[in-house]
Amino acid sequence: MIIMMRYLACLALPLLLNPTVAGIHALDQTWYKLAVSANGYTIDSTTDVLKKRAFKTTAYMNVEWTGTEYAFHIFTNTGTATAPVWDANYDDFFSTEGANESLATDVYMDFPVANGDVGGFLTFLISVKKDASGAVKSVSLTSLGGEAVDGNLDGDEFRGGLSVRATYTTPAKLPFTP
């Protein structure tokens, strides 16, 4: 009997450590405020001269579990500071790795703004904080590195490094109604 219980425990352990099977999905139905920044270069569309440029914006992201992976929706302000227009203008999917959904790798994100957009690949470190009962209290995502491989600012191609810091928020704190 003890041998059989050990055998079953050995079979079950990998399943319990897998967040997909264990049903952890801490990011499901969460919202994040994103601080997006990119430093790099544009190539002037008329003179082909390389210019140093920086890009910063605030975006919001909603994440939901689909049953096999996470779907995310990015909202950016494509209007102005005085007349904001918040649009859900980029959607995609990502998967996590690790027993606590610790990493999300090769996540492509695009951030459209009034004067163009910056898009690229990121790897995120995911930190989940739980209360004493084990319920998720907060989640943060920090990019470990990123590359802006697709962008356009004021009509000029943009390439460079990309960084995103995501902090947990609630729908009540959004500057728009989802």
C-alpha atoms as a PDB file:
ATOM      1  CA  MET A   1       0.000   0.000   0.000  1.00  0.00           C
ATOM      2  CA  ILE A   2       2.774   2.456   0.904  1.00  0.00           C
ATOM      3  CA  ILE A   3       4.571   1.688  -2.344  1.00  0.00           C
ATOM      4  CA  MET A   4       1.374   2.405  -4.283  1.00  0.00           C
ATOM      5  CA  MET A   5       0.885   5.749  -2.462  1.00  0.00           C
ATOM      6  CA  ARG A   6       4.463   6.782  -3.204  1.00  0.00           C
ATOM      7  CA  TYR A   7       3.985   5.811  -6.834  1.00  0.00           C
ATOM      8  CA  LEU A   8       0.803   7.905  -7.089  1.00  0.00           C
ATOM      9  CA  ALA A   9       2.503  10.824  -5.324  1.00  0.00           C
ATOM     10  CA  CYS A  10       5.369  10.701  -7.853  1.00  0.00           C
ATOM     11  CA  LEU A  11       2.855  10.759 -10.695  1.00  0.00           C
ATOM     12  CA  ALA A  12       0.838  13.624  -9.202  1.00  0.00           C
ATOM     13  CA  LEU A  13       3.691  15.927  -8.167  1.00  0.00           C
ATOM     14  CA  PRO A  14       4.549  17.206 -11.668  1.00  0.00           C
ATOM     15  CA  LEU A  15       0.866  17.858 -12.288  1.00  0.00           C
ATOM     16  CA  LEU A  16       0.524  19.864  -9.075  1.00  0.00           C
ATOM     17  CA  LEU A  17       3.605  21.939  -9.869  1.00  0.00           C
ATOM     18  CA  ASN A  18       2.319  22.824 -13.318  1.00  0.00           C
ATOM     19  CA  PRO A  19       0.218  26.031 -13.039  1.00  0.00           C
ATOM     20  CA  THR A  20      -1.873  25.034 -16.040  1.00  0.00           C
ATOM     21  CA  VAL A  21      -2.964  21.795 -14.389  1.00  0.00           C
ATOM     22  CA  ALA A  22      -3.005  23.063 -10.810  1.00  0.00           C
ATOM     23  CA  GLY A  23      -5.290  25.948 -11.762  1.00  0.00           C
ATOM     24  CA  ILE A  24      -3.114  28.674 -10.256  1.00  0.00           C
ATOM     25  CA  HIS A  25      -3.584  31.229 -13.046  1.00  0.00           C
ATOM     26  CA  ALA A  26      -2.857  34.184 -10.776  1.00  0.00           C
ATOM     27  CA  LEU A  27      -2.999  36.632 -13.680  1.00  0.00           C
ATOM     28  CA  ASP A  28      -6.558  35.729 -14.694  1.00  0.00           C
ATOM     29  CA  GLN A  29      -8.932  38.711 -14.765  1.00  0.00           C
ATOM     30  CA  THR A  30      -6.275  41.207 -13.641  1.00  0.00           C
ATOM     31  CA  TRP A  31      -5.512  44.757 -14.737  1.00  0.00           C
ATOM     32  CA  TYR A  32      -2.129  46.495 -14.875  1.00  0.00           C
ATOM     33  CA  LYS A  33      -0.915  50.026 -15.337  1.00  0.00           C
ATOM     34  CA  LEU A  34       2.080  49.893 -17.678  1.00  0.00           C
ATOM     35  CA  ALA A  35       4.974  52.345 -17.611  1.00  0.00           C
ATOM     36  CA  VAL A  36       6.466  51.900 -21.075  1.00  0.00           C
ATOM     37  CA  SER A  37       9.793  53.353 -22.133  1.00  0.00           C
ATOM     38  CA  ALA A  38      12.095  52.831 -25.087  1.00  0.00           C
ATOM     39  CA  ASN A  39      15.439  54.371 -25.907  1.00  0.00           C
ATOM     40  CA  GLY A  40      16.836  54.050 -29.364  1.00  0.00           C
ATOM     41  CA  TYR A  41      17.086  55.663 -32.741  1.00  0.00           C
ATOM     42  CA  THR A  42      14.890  56.787 -35.587  1.00  0.00           C
ATOM     43  CA  ILE A  43      15.915  56.986 -39.203  1.00  0.00           C
ATOM     44  CA  ASP A  44      14.688  60.240 -40.721  1.00  0.00           C
ATOM     45  CA  SER A  45      12.312  59.311 -43.544  1.00  0.00           C
ATOM     46  CA  THR A  46      13.565  62.078 -45.844  1.00  0.00           C
ATOM     47  CA  THR A  47      17.293  62.353 -45.052  1.00  0.00           C
ATOM     48  CA  ASP A  48      18.089  58.812 -43.750  1.00  0.00           C
ATOM     49  CA  VAL A  49      19.931  60.466 -40.838  1.00  0.00           C
ATOM     50  CA  LEU A  50      20.023  58.515 -37.590  1.00  0.00           C
ATOM     51  CA  LYS A  51      18.591  60.428 -34.600  1.00  0.00           C
ATOM     52  CA  LYS A  52      18.590  59.446 -30.937  1.00  0.00           C
ATOM     53  CA  ARG A  53      14.998  59.204 -29.613  1.00  0.00           C
ATOM     54  CA  ALA A  54      13.200  58.250 -26.440  1.00  0.00           C
ATOM     55  CA  PHE A  55       9.638  57.002 -26.112  1.00  0.00           C
ATOM     56  CA  LYS A  56       7.520  56.979 -22.949  1.00  0.00           C
ATOM     57  CA  THR A  57       3.870  56.282 -22.462  1.00  0.00           C
ATOM     58  CA  THR A  58       1.385  54.911 -19.967  1.00  0.00           C
ATOM     59  CA  ALA A  59      -0.816  52.043 -21.046  1.00  0.00           C
ATOM     60  CA  TYR A  60      -3.206  49.644 -19.357  1.00  0.00           C
ATOM     61  CA  MET A  61      -3.426  45.907 -19.818  1.00  0.00           C
ATOM     62  CA  ASN A  62      -6.153  43.394 -19.021  1.00  0.00           C
ATOM     63  CA  VAL A  63      -5.171  39.719 -18.743  1.00  0.00           C
ATOM     64  CA  GLU A  64      -7.460  36.689 -18.826  1.00  0.00           C
ATOM     65  CA  TRP A  65      -6.916  32.934 -18.828  1.00  0.00           C
ATOM     66  CA  THR A  66      -8.248  31.215 -21.967  1.00  0.00           C
ATOM     67  CA  GLY A  67      -7.904  27.657 -20.711  1.00  0.00           C
ATOM     68  CA  THR A  68      -4.530  27.078 -22.392  1.00  0.00           C
ATOM     69  CA  GLU A  69      -2.749  30.449 -22.237  1.00  0.00           C
ATOM     70  CA  TYR A  70      -3.251  34.079 -21.256  1.00  0.00           C
ATOM     71  CA  ALA A  71      -4.900  36.587 -23.571  1.00  0.00           C
ATOM     72  CA  PHE A  72      -3.990  40.224 -23.032  1.00  0.00           C
ATOM     73  CA  HIS A  73      -5.510  43.473 -24.242  1.00  0.00           C
ATOM     74  CA  ILE A  74      -3.529  46.716 -24.239  1.00  0.00           C
ATOM     75  CA  PHE A  75      -5.260  50.082 -23.973  1.00  0.00           C
ATOM     76  CA  THR A  76      -3.328  53.216 -24.969  1.00  0.00           C
ATOM     77  CA  ASN A  77      -4.194  56.883 -25.300  1.00  0.00           C
ATOM     78  CA  THR A  78      -4.227  57.713 -29.006  1.00  0.00           C
ATOM     79  CA  GLY A  79      -5.588  61.197 -28.309  1.00  0.00           C
ATOM     80  CA  THR A  80      -3.915  64.018 -26.409  1.00  0.00           C
ATOM     81  CA  ALA A  81      -3.366  64.706 -22.719  1.00  0.00           C
ATOM     82  CA  THR A  82      -6.284  67.178 -22.713  1.00  0.00           C
ATOM     83  CA  ALA A  83      -8.540  65.079 -24.966  1.00  0.00           C
ATOM     84  CA  PRO A  84      -7.642  61.443 -24.227  1.00  0.00           C
ATOM     85  CA  VAL A  85      -8.927  58.634 -26.411  1.00  0.00           C
ATOM     86  CA  TRP A  86      -8.337  55.276 -24.730  1.00  0.00           C
ATOM     87  CA  ASP A  87      -8.544  52.402 -27.195  1.00  0.00           C
ATOM     88  CA  ALA A  88      -8.097  48.653 -26.808  1.00  0.00           C
ATOM     89  CA  ASN A  89      -5.730  48.613 -29.740  1.00  0.00           C
ATOM     90  CA  TYR A  90      -3.529  45.561 -29.282  1.00  0.00           C
ATOM     91  CA  ASP A  91      -4.437  41.991 -28.348  1.00  0.00           C
ATOM     92  CA  ASP A  92      -2.262  38.886 -28.180  1.00  0.00           C
ATOM     93  CA  PHE A  93      -1.456  35.792 -26.098  1.00  0.00           C
ATOM     94  CA  PHE A  94       1.359  34.579 -23.847  1.00  0.00           C
ATOM     95  CA  SER A  95       2.262  31.539 -21.779  1.00  0.00           C
ATOM     96  CA  THR A  96       4.069  31.392 -18.463  1.00  0.00           C
ATOM     97  CA  GLU A  97       6.840  29.150 -17.194  1.00  0.00           C
ATOM     98  CA  GLY A  98       7.656  27.901 -13.708  1.00  0.00           C
ATOM     99  CA  ALA A  99       5.656  26.477 -10.825  1.00  0.00           C
ATOM    100  CA  ASN A 100       4.499  29.949  -9.754  1.00  0.00           C
ATOM    101  CA  GLU A 101       4.073  31.353 -13.261  1.00  0.00           C
ATOM    102  CA  SER A 102       7.383  33.145 -12.727  1.00  0.00           C
ATOM    103  CA  LEU A 103       8.343  33.996 -16.315  1.00  0.00           C
ATOM    104  CA  ALA A 104       6.684  34.968 -19.567  1.00  0.00           C
ATOM    105  CA  THR A 105       9.147  34.955 -22.459  1.00  0.00           C
ATOM    106  CA  ASP A 106       9.078  36.315 -26.018  1.00  0.00           C
ATOM    107  CA  VAL A 107       5.926  38.349 -25.420  1.00  0.00           C
ATOM    108  CA  TYR A 108       5.291  40.730 -28.332  1.00  0.00           C
ATOM    109  CA  MET A 109       3.552  43.966 -27.370  1.00  0.00           C
ATOM    110  CA  ASP A 110       2.655  47.038 -29.397  1.00  0.00           C
ATOM    111  CA  PHE A 111       1.945  50.493 -27.962  1.00  0.00           C
ATOM    112  CA  PRO A 112       0.149  52.827 -30.404  1.00  0.00           C
ATOM    113  CA  VAL A 113       0.117  56.525 -29.465  1.00  0.00           C
ATOM    114  CA  ALA A 114      -0.948  59.719 -31.232  1.00  0.00           C
ATOM    115  CA  ASN A 115       2.375  60.180 -33.077  1.00  0.00           C
ATOM    116  CA  GLY A 116       3.074  56.535 -33.950  1.00  0.00           C
ATOM    117  CA  ASP A 117       3.785  53.303 -32.118  1.00  0.00           C
ATOM    118  CA  VAL A 118       6.546  51.180 -30.645  1.00  0.00           C
ATOM    119  CA  GLY A 119       6.404  47.394 -30.593  1.00  0.00           C
ATOM    120  CA  GLY A 120       8.791  44.686 -29.548  1.00  0.00           C
ATOM    121  CA  PHE A 121       9.566  41.495 -27.684  1.00  0.00           C
ATOM    122  CA  LEU A 122       9.841  41.327 -23.885  1.00  0.00           C
ATOM    123  CA  THR A 123      10.578  38.773 -21.176  1.00  0.00           C
ATOM    124  CA  PHE A 124       8.684  39.347 -17.925  1.00  0.00           C
ATOM    125  CA  LEU A 125       9.512  38.361 -14.366  1.00  0.00           C
ATOM    126  CA  ILE A 126       6.205  37.752 -12.593  1.00  0.00           C
ATOM    127  CA  SER A 127       5.892  38.238  -8.835  1.00  0.00           C
ATOM    128  CA  VAL A 128       2.725  36.990  -7.151  1.00  0.00           C
ATOM    129  CA  LYS A 129       1.943  38.007  -3.554  1.00  0.00           C
ATOM    130  CA  LYS A 130      -0.644  36.017  -1.637  1.00  0.00           C
ATOM    131  CA  ASP A 131      -2.343  36.531   1.704  1.00  0.00           C
ATOM    132  CA  ALA A 132      -2.230  34.022   4.591  1.00  0.00           C
ATOM    133  CA  SER A 133      -5.075  31.982   3.070  1.00  0.00           C
ATOM    134  CA  GLY A 134      -3.246  31.660  -0.257  1.00  0.00           C
ATOM    135  CA  ALA A 135      -5.501  34.055  -2.173  1.00  0.00           C
ATOM    136  CA  VAL A 136      -3.745  36.340  -4.654  1.00  0.00           C
ATOM    137  CA  LYS A 137      -3.210  39.788  -3.134  1.00  0.00           C
ATOM    138  CA  SER A 138      -1.226  41.415  -5.940  1.00  0.00           C
ATOM    139  CA  VAL A 139       0.793  40.611  -9.017  1.00  0.00           C
ATOM    140  CA  SER A 140       3.583  42.610 -10.640  1.00  0.00           C
ATOM    141  CA  LEU A 141       5.315  42.143 -13.954  1.00  0.00           C
ATOM    142  CA  THR A 142       8.758  43.572 -14.697  1.00  0.00           C
ATOM    143  CA  SER A 143      10.467  43.318 -18.046  1.00  0.00           C
ATOM    144  CA  LEU A 144      13.900  41.720 -17.778  1.00  0.00           C
ATOM    145  CA  GLY A 145      14.793  42.989 -21.204  1.00  0.00           C
ATOM    146  CA  GLY A 146      13.161  43.945 -24.409  1.00  0.00           C
ATOM    147  CA  GLU A 147      13.878  44.990 -27.947  1.00  0.00           C
ATOM    148  CA  ALA A 148      11.820  47.465 -29.946  1.00  0.00           C
ATOM    149  CA  VAL A 149      11.896  45.791 -33.350  1.00  0.00           C
ATOM    150  CA  ASP A 150       8.916  47.515 -34.888  1.00  0.00           C
ATOM    151  CA  GLY A 151       8.125  51.164 -34.408  1.00  0.00           C
ATOM    152  CA  ASN A 152       7.327  54.452 -36.041  1.00  0.00           C
ATOM    153  CA  LEU A 153       7.522  57.868 -34.379  1.00  0.00           C
ATOM    154  CA  ASP A 154       6.430  60.957 -36.306  1.00  0.00           C
ATOM    155  CA  GLY A 155       6.766  59.016 -39.570  1.00  0.00           C
ATOM    156  CA  ASP A 156      10.301  57.767 -38.868  1.00  0.00           C
ATOM    157  CA  GLU A 157      11.253  54.126 -38.187  1.00  0.00           C
ATOM    158  CA  PHE A 158      12.190  53.487 -34.550  1.00  0.00           C
ATOM    159  CA  ARG A 159      14.487  50.735 -33.188  1.00  0.00           C
ATOM    160  CA  GLY A 160      15.985  50.314 -29.716  1.00  0.00           C
ATOM    161  CA  GLY A 161      15.590  48.877 -26.228  1.00  0.00           C
ATOM    162  CA  LEU A 162      12.155  48.456 -24.676  1.00  0.00           C
ATOM    163  CA  SER A 163      11.182  48.352 -21.001  1.00  0.00           C
ATOM    164  CA  VAL A 164       7.810  47.854 -19.321  1.00  0.00           C
ATOM    165  CA  ARG A 165       6.959  48.021 -15.623  1.00  0.00           C
ATOM    166  CA  ALA A 166       3.486  46.719 -14.831  1.00  0.00           C
ATOM    167  CA  THR A 167       1.762  47.414 -11.534  1.00  0.00           C
ATOM    168  CA  TYR A 168      -1.449  45.767 -10.423  1.00  0.00           C
ATOM    169  CA  THR A 169      -4.534  47.982 -10.521  1.00  0.00           C
ATOM    170  CA  THR A 170      -8.310  47.643 -10.462  1.00  0.00           C
ATOM    171  CA  PRO A 171     -10.936  48.634 -13.027  1.00  0.00           C
ATOM    172  CA  ALA A 172     -12.131  51.397 -10.658  1.00  0.00           C
ATOM    173  CA  LYS A 173      -8.736  53.130 -10.995  1.00  0.00           C
ATOM    174  CA  LEU A 174      -8.659  53.128 -14.810  1.00  0.00           C
ATOM    175  CA  PRO A 175      -8.949  56.482 -16.648  1.00  0.00           C
ATOM    176  CA  PHE A 176     -11.626  54.916 -18.888  1.00  0.00           C
ATOM    177  CA  THR A 177     -14.517  52.473 -18.618  1.00  0.00           C
ATOM    178  CA  PRO A 178     -13.602  49.058 -20.010  1.00  0.00           C
END
